[in-house]
């Protein structure tokens, strides 16, 4: 998972946390995504998501949470219903990062409709942790 949060005094993205299976292409994409997040270019990130593997897709969701404009929020919300559990959990994390009533409502809806107990447990834990 990558991190695109900004260091306030430098306005540079924090380097992403290294992951075990990253390819060189993924690392380049994640670097590109961080730069786009700093520039608040959600449309460009959305284009990357169309051809991204799961790891890069998760990084895009994290970046969209930092931008949190209308297009970003719509994409995060759309992915709360993704069939891929990794993406669904990443979308939940992104929604909690945006932390609006709208997003919290969508997460609560996800909790009420989710049939997979493992995903439901993870989402509930994320929601509980966000309240601390």
Foldseek 3Di string as FASTA:
>chain_A
DFFLDADVVVLAGDGTDDDDDDDPVLNVLLVVLSVCLSVLPLVVLVVCCVPDDLVSVLSSLNSLLSSVDPVSLVVLLVQCPPPDLSSVLSSLLSLLSNPDPVSVVSLVVSLVPDDDPVSNVSSVVSVVVSVD
